[in-house]
Amino acid sequence: MSTVETHVVIVYESMYGNTHHIAEHIASGLGIDGVQVHVVSVGEALPGLLAAADLLIVGGPTHVHAMTSATSRHAAIAAADQDGLQLDPAATNPGLRDWFDQLDIVDGTEAAAFDTRVDGWALFTGRASHGIASHLTERGYRLLDEPESFLVDKHNRLVADEAERATAWGASLAAAMHRLLDHHW
């Protein structure tokens, strides 16, 4: 195992807290010796923090089959009032689409993408993680793993065992990152 400390930044967009919760669980899976993890909302993902990252993990909710848009974010905020849902404290921050427009180009930093989406066939629900992965690779990031989805039910609650699955995915990303670092040194 490498003795070099690995810096991981997890950037999330969350409307009702599910994506935020998944980001925290991914971080707990990454939390092994030699890994420093920062979990930040998209509004807190500042360039200096990102520049120090050896691994950037980005996640957001799936709206209308893809990443959120200004229109879908406004609709989600309105739905929270109507359906009695609680908004994530960072829900009024800018969305991932706007953030990606300002993200610097890098030269091969490792990355991973995840989303939260309604439990069902991805063909019918869509997957924001695919768009996130595309934006990351367009900015020069290398994907460490395939995009991952974590499921919510029709009442916007995480499906059983999804948090544990997120922790396990975080641990697998940490192991893959360490293998890469050991190989390069």
Protein backbone atom coordinates (compact mmCIF):
# COMPACT_ATOMS: atom_id res chain seq x y z
CA MET A 1 0.00 0.00 0.00
CA SER A 2 1.23 3.44 -0.85
CA THR A 3 2.46 5.74 1.91
CA VAL A 4 1.38 8.80 -0.07
CA GLU A 5 -1.75 10.45 1.32
CA THR A 6 -4.61 10.41 -1.16
CA HIS A 7 -6.92 13.43 -1.35
CA VAL A 8 -10.50 12.70 -2.37
CA VAL A 9 -13.19 15.30 -2.97
CA ILE A 10 -16.83 14.25 -3.20
CA VAL A 11 -19.04 16.91 -4.78
CA TYR A 12 -22.79 16.40 -4.55
CA GLU A 13 -25.98 18.09 -5.63
CA SER A 14 -28.95 17.10 -3.49
CA MET A 15 -32.54 18.26 -3.38
CA TYR A 16 -34.12 16.10 -0.64
CA GLY A 17 -30.96 14.84 1.06
CA ASN A 18 -30.66 11.41 -0.53
CA THR A 19 -27.66 12.22 -2.73
CA HIS A 20 -26.01 14.02 0.19
CA HIS A 21 -26.59 10.95 2.38
CA ILE A 22 -25.08 8.67 -0.29
CA ALA A 23 -22.05 11.00 -0.62
CA GLU A 24 -21.44 10.72 3.14
CA HIS A 25 -21.63 6.92 2.96
CA ILE A 26 -19.21 6.82 0.02
CA ALA A 27 -16.87 8.95 2.14
CA SER A 28 -17.11 6.51 5.04
CA GLY A 29 -16.11 3.69 2.68
CA LEU A 30 -13.14 5.76 1.50
CA GLY A 31 -12.14 6.56 5.07
CA ILE A 32 -9.14 4.31 5.41
CA ASP A 33 -5.58 5.15 6.45
CA GLY A 34 -3.88 7.48 4.02
CA VAL A 35 -7.09 8.86 2.49
CA GLN A 36 -8.26 12.40 3.27
CA VAL A 37 -11.88 12.91 2.18
CA HIS A 38 -13.82 16.17 1.75
CA VAL A 39 -17.57 15.99 1.12
CA VAL A 40 -18.91 19.28 -0.25
CA SER A 41 -22.05 20.53 -1.93
CA VAL A 42 -21.70 21.78 -5.47
CA GLY A 43 -21.79 25.36 -4.14
CA GLU A 44 -18.79 24.68 -1.87
CA ALA A 45 -16.64 22.93 -4.50
CA LEU A 46 -14.02 25.63 -4.86
CA PRO A 47 -11.14 25.43 -7.37
CA GLY A 48 -8.40 25.22 -4.70
CA LEU A 49 -10.00 22.17 -3.09
CA LEU A 50 -10.49 20.50 -6.46
CA ALA A 51 -6.91 21.18 -7.58
CA ALA A 52 -5.58 19.13 -4.65
CA ALA A 53 -7.78 16.12 -5.43
CA ASP A 54 -6.27 12.81 -6.52
CA LEU A 55 -9.81 11.51 -6.97
CA LEU A 56 -12.94 13.57 -7.69
CA ILE A 57 -16.29 11.87 -7.12
CA VAL A 58 -19.37 13.72 -8.36
CA GLY A 59 -23.01 12.84 -7.79
CA GLY A 60 -26.46 14.24 -8.26
CA PRO A 61 -30.11 13.29 -8.46
CA THR A 62 -31.71 12.09 -11.67
CA HIS A 63 -34.42 14.46 -12.93
CA VAL A 64 -36.33 13.83 -16.14
CA HIS A 65 -33.92 11.02 -17.14
CA ALA A 66 -30.73 13.09 -16.71
CA MET A 67 -28.86 15.61 -14.58
CA THR A 68 -30.96 18.35 -13.02
CA SER A 69 -31.75 21.53 -14.92
CA ALA A 70 -32.81 24.92 -13.62
CA THR A 71 -36.41 24.01 -14.46
CA SER A 72 -36.31 20.60 -12.75
CA ARG A 73 -34.62 22.10 -9.67
CA HIS A 74 -37.37 24.72 -9.34
CA ALA A 75 -39.99 21.99 -9.75
CA ALA A 76 -38.30 19.89 -7.04
CA ILE A 77 -38.33 22.86 -4.64
CA ALA A 78 -42.02 23.45 -5.35
CA ALA A 79 -42.75 19.71 -4.91
CA ALA A 80 -41.07 19.74 -1.50
CA ASP A 81 -43.70 22.17 -0.21
CA GLN A 82 -46.55 20.34 -1.88
CA ASP A 83 -45.48 16.81 -0.86
CA GLY A 84 -44.16 17.63 2.60
CA LEU A 85 -40.56 16.80 1.69
CA GLN A 86 -37.64 18.44 3.44
CA LEU A 87 -35.10 20.18 1.22
CA ASP A 88 -31.41 19.51 1.71
CA PRO A 89 -29.68 22.59 3.19
CA ALA A 90 -27.69 22.94 -0.06
CA ALA A 91 -30.71 22.51 -2.37
CA THR A 92 -30.73 26.18 -3.36
CA ASN A 93 -27.06 26.10 -4.43
CA PRO A 94 -26.27 26.06 -8.15
CA GLY A 95 -26.73 22.74 -9.92
CA LEU A 96 -24.13 20.45 -11.43
CA ARG A 97 -24.74 21.68 -14.98
CA ASP A 98 -23.72 25.23 -14.03
CA TRP A 99 -20.81 23.92 -11.97
CA PHE A 100 -19.48 21.84 -14.86
CA ASP A 101 -19.50 24.93 -17.08
CA GLN A 102 -16.97 26.50 -14.69
CA LEU A 103 -14.89 23.38 -13.94
CA ASP A 104 -11.25 23.65 -15.02
CA ILE A 105 -9.76 21.27 -17.56
CA VAL A 106 -7.37 18.77 -15.95
CA ASP A 107 -4.90 16.25 -17.30
CA GLY A 108 -6.02 12.81 -16.21
CA THR A 109 -7.08 13.18 -12.57
CA GLU A 110 -9.09 10.12 -11.51
CA ALA A 111 -12.85 10.53 -11.13
CA ALA A 112 -16.07 8.65 -10.47
CA ALA A 113 -19.73 9.49 -11.02
CA PHE A 114 -22.88 8.50 -9.15
CA ASP A 115 -26.52 9.42 -9.00
CA THR A 116 -29.69 8.78 -7.08
CA ARG A 117 -32.70 7.75 -9.09
CA VAL A 118 -36.10 6.16 -8.70
CA ASP A 119 -36.00 2.39 -8.33
CA GLY A 120 -36.82 0.94 -11.74
CA TRP A 121 -35.23 0.05 -15.03
CA ALA A 122 -32.65 2.64 -15.98
CA LEU A 123 -34.14 2.68 -19.48
CA PHE A 124 -37.29 4.19 -17.98
CA THR A 125 -35.82 6.27 -15.14
CA GLY A 126 -32.66 7.58 -16.77
CA ARG A 127 -29.33 7.96 -15.00
CA ALA A 128 -27.74 11.32 -14.18
CA SER A 129 -24.46 9.49 -13.54
CA HIS A 130 -23.93 8.95 -17.27
CA GLY A 131 -24.15 12.69 -17.95
CA ILE A 132 -21.92 13.40 -14.97
CA ALA A 133 -19.34 10.90 -16.26
CA SER A 134 -19.47 12.49 -19.72
CA HIS A 135 -18.88 15.97 -18.30
CA LEU A 136 -15.97 14.67 -16.22
CA THR A 137 -14.25 13.03 -19.19
CA GLU A 138 -14.84 16.16 -21.32
CA ARG A 139 -12.89 18.08 -18.66
CA GLY A 140 -9.95 15.66 -18.80
CA TYR A 141 -10.79 13.36 -15.90
CA ARG A 142 -10.27 9.57 -16.16
CA LEU A 143 -13.06 7.39 -14.81
CA LEU A 144 -11.85 5.01 -12.11
CA ASP A 145 -15.05 2.94 -12.26
CA GLU A 146 -18.33 2.74 -14.14
CA PRO A 147 -20.99 5.29 -13.14
CA GLU A 148 -23.10 4.04 -10.23
CA SER A 149 -26.76 4.56 -9.31
CA PHE A 150 -28.30 4.44 -5.84
CA LEU A 151 -32.03 3.95 -5.64
CA VAL A 152 -34.89 5.80 -3.97
CA ASP A 153 -38.50 4.71 -3.71
CA LYS A 154 -41.53 6.58 -5.04
CA HIS A 155 -41.70 8.52 -1.75
CA ASN A 156 -38.12 9.86 -2.18
CA ARG A 157 -36.60 7.65 0.51
CA LEU A 158 -33.48 5.57 -0.04
CA VAL A 159 -34.23 1.93 -0.77
CA ALA A 160 -33.07 -0.50 1.93
CA ASP A 161 -29.32 -1.28 1.88
CA GLU A 162 -28.43 1.52 -0.57
CA ALA A 163 -26.44 3.39 2.09
CA GLU A 164 -24.45 0.24 2.84
CA ARG A 165 -23.92 -0.32 -0.87
CA ALA A 166 -22.58 3.25 -1.14
CA THR A 167 -20.11 2.56 1.68
CA ALA A 168 -18.95 -0.59 -0.11
CA TRP A 169 -18.59 1.32 -3.40
CA GLY A 170 -16.48 3.93 -1.62
CA ALA A 171 -14.22 1.17 -0.26
CA SER A 172 -13.85 -0.32 -3.75
CA LEU A 173 -12.91 3.11 -5.15
CA ALA A 174 -10.30 3.54 -2.41
CA ALA A 175 -8.82 0.12 -3.19
CA ALA A 176 -8.71 0.90 -6.92
CA MET A 177 -7.08 4.26 -6.24
CA HIS A 178 -4.44 2.69 -4.01
CA ARG A 179 -3.67 0.07 -6.66
CA LEU A 180 -3.14 2.87 -9.19
CA LEU A 181 -0.93 4.87 -6.83
CA ASP A 182 1.14 1.80 -5.91
CA HIS A 183 1.57 0.99 -9.60
CA HIS A 184 2.81 4.52 -10.41
CA TRP A 185 5.31 4.63 -7.55
